[in-house]
Amino acid sequence: MMAQLDPGILALLRCPVTASPLRQQGDWLMSEIGNLAYSLREGIPALLAEEARLPPGIGSLEDFKAKYCPTPEK
């Protein structure tokens, strides 16, 4: 059975990589920027970048960061 995260808590959570809001899709929390997916474990968000599921076409977390988290210009 899918655990539905409390909407108030979900509104506070952000992706640790992109800092974008998260939305729940089944047992996953998806970042609005890039669709990096974090699992819900027994209803508890596991917001660990190293364990996140990468979107299709992205081979590594470093590739994801290069595409969705450009470094600021100096």
C-alpha atoms as a PDB file:
ATOM      1  CA  MET A   1       0.000   0.000   0.000  1.00  0.00           C
ATOM      2  CA  MET A   2       1.305   3.422  -0.973  1.00  0.00           C
ATOM      3  CA  ALA A   3       1.964   5.833   1.892  1.00  0.00           C
ATOM      4  CA  GLN A   4       0.515   9.285   1.239  1.00  0.00           C
ATOM      5  CA  LEU A   5       2.810  11.956   2.645  1.00  0.00           C
ATOM      6  CA  ASP A   6       1.135  14.738   4.615  1.00  0.00           C
ATOM      7  CA  PRO A   7       0.656  17.718   2.223  1.00  0.00           C
ATOM      8  CA  GLY A   8       2.008  20.152   4.819  1.00  0.00           C
ATOM      9  CA  ILE A   9       5.234  18.198   5.143  1.00  0.00           C
ATOM     10  CA  LEU A  10       5.532  17.729   1.380  1.00  0.00           C
ATOM     11  CA  ALA A  11       5.239  21.501   0.900  1.00  0.00           C
ATOM     12  CA  LEU A  12       8.311  22.008   3.115  1.00  0.00           C
ATOM     13  CA  LEU A  13      10.551  19.447   1.428  1.00  0.00           C
ATOM     14  CA  ARG A  14      13.055  20.331  -1.310  1.00  0.00           C
ATOM     15  CA  CYS A  15      15.349  18.292  -3.509  1.00  0.00           C
ATOM     16  CA  PRO A  16      18.814  18.343  -1.918  1.00  0.00           C
ATOM     17  CA  VAL A  17      20.414  18.566  -5.385  1.00  0.00           C
ATOM     18  CA  THR A  18      18.287  21.135  -7.248  1.00  0.00           C
ATOM     19  CA  ALA A  19      16.528  22.799  -4.282  1.00  0.00           C
ATOM     20  CA  SER A  20      13.283  22.478  -6.250  1.00  0.00           C
ATOM     21  CA  PRO A  21       9.960  21.444  -4.680  1.00  0.00           C
ATOM     22  CA  LEU A  22       9.039  17.767  -4.637  1.00  0.00           C
ATOM     23  CA  ARG A  23       5.818  16.079  -5.741  1.00  0.00           C
ATOM     24  CA  GLN A  24       4.694  12.602  -4.773  1.00  0.00           C
ATOM     25  CA  GLN A  25       4.231   9.924  -7.423  1.00  0.00           C
ATOM     26  CA  GLY A  26       3.390   6.631  -5.782  1.00  0.00           C
ATOM     27  CA  ASP A  27       6.194   5.663  -3.412  1.00  0.00           C
ATOM     28  CA  TRP A  28       8.552   8.271  -4.886  1.00  0.00           C
ATOM     29  CA  LEU A  29       9.154  11.987  -4.401  1.00  0.00           C
ATOM     30  CA  MET A  30      10.069  13.634  -7.698  1.00  0.00           C
ATOM     31  CA  SER A  31      11.996  16.889  -7.998  1.00  0.00           C
ATOM     32  CA  GLU A  32      10.264  19.491 -10.147  1.00  0.00           C
ATOM     33  CA  ILE A  33      13.585  20.256 -11.832  1.00  0.00           C
ATOM     34  CA  GLY A  34      14.967  17.192 -13.599  1.00  0.00           C
ATOM     35  CA  ASN A  35      12.660  14.525 -12.092  1.00  0.00           C
ATOM     36  CA  LEU A  36      15.257  13.126  -9.712  1.00  0.00           C
ATOM     37  CA  ALA A  37      13.345  10.508  -7.698  1.00  0.00           C
ATOM     38  CA  TYR A  38      13.674   9.851  -3.972  1.00  0.00           C
ATOM     39  CA  SER A  39      12.077   6.842  -2.338  1.00  0.00           C
ATOM     40  CA  LEU A  40       9.606   6.833   0.505  1.00  0.00           C
ATOM     41  CA  ARG A  41      10.560   4.162   3.032  1.00  0.00           C
ATOM     42  CA  GLU A  42       7.643   3.257   5.259  1.00  0.00           C
ATOM     43  CA  GLY A  43       6.297   6.767   4.676  1.00  0.00           C
ATOM     44  CA  ILE A  44       9.606   8.486   5.456  1.00  0.00           C
ATOM     45  CA  PRO A  45      11.353  10.432   2.663  1.00  0.00           C
ATOM     46  CA  ALA A  46      14.880   9.177   1.913  1.00  0.00           C
ATOM     47  CA  LEU A  47      16.364  12.376   0.514  1.00  0.00           C
ATOM     48  CA  LEU A  48      19.830  11.016  -0.188  1.00  0.00           C
ATOM     49  CA  ALA A  49      21.211  12.211  -3.526  1.00  0.00           C
ATOM     50  CA  GLU A  50      23.475   9.168  -3.819  1.00  0.00           C
ATOM     51  CA  GLU A  51      20.446   6.847  -3.585  1.00  0.00           C
ATOM     52  CA  ALA A  52      18.110   8.850  -5.835  1.00  0.00           C
ATOM     53  CA  ARG A  53      16.787   7.284  -9.032  1.00  0.00           C
ATOM     54  CA  LEU A  54      18.092   9.178 -12.042  1.00  0.00           C
ATOM     55  CA  PRO A  55      15.778  10.208 -14.875  1.00  0.00           C
ATOM     56  CA  PRO A  56      16.032   8.359 -18.208  1.00  0.00           C
ATOM     57  CA  GLY A  57      19.032   9.342 -20.297  1.00  0.00           C
ATOM     58  CA  ILE A  58      21.153  10.456 -17.333  1.00  0.00           C
ATOM     59  CA  GLY A  59      24.052   8.114 -16.528  1.00  0.00           C
ATOM     60  CA  SER A  60      25.294   9.473 -13.212  1.00  0.00           C
ATOM     61  CA  LEU A  61      24.571  11.983 -10.486  1.00  0.00           C
ATOM     62  CA  GLU A  62      27.431  14.116 -11.822  1.00  0.00           C
ATOM     63  CA  ASP A  63      25.818  14.116 -15.293  1.00  0.00           C
ATOM     64  CA  PHE A  64      22.524  15.148 -13.675  1.00  0.00           C
ATOM     65  CA  LYS A  65      24.194  18.011 -11.807  1.00  0.00           C
ATOM     66  CA  ALA A  66      25.955  19.196 -14.970  1.00  0.00           C
ATOM     67  CA  LYS A  67      22.635  19.330 -16.828  1.00  0.00           C
ATOM     68  CA  TYR A  68      20.275  20.660 -14.156  1.00  0.00           C
ATOM     69  CA  CYS A  69      22.531  22.515 -11.718  1.00  0.00           C
ATOM     70  CA  PRO A  70      24.812  24.759 -13.789  1.00  0.00           C
ATOM     71  CA  THR A  71      27.470  26.566 -11.812  1.00  0.00           C
ATOM     72  CA  PRO A  72      26.817  30.274 -11.353  1.00  0.00           C
ATOM     73  CA  GLU A  73      28.777  32.647 -13.543  1.00  0.00           C
ATOM     74  CA  LYS A  74      31.433  34.693 -11.798  1.00  0.00           C
END
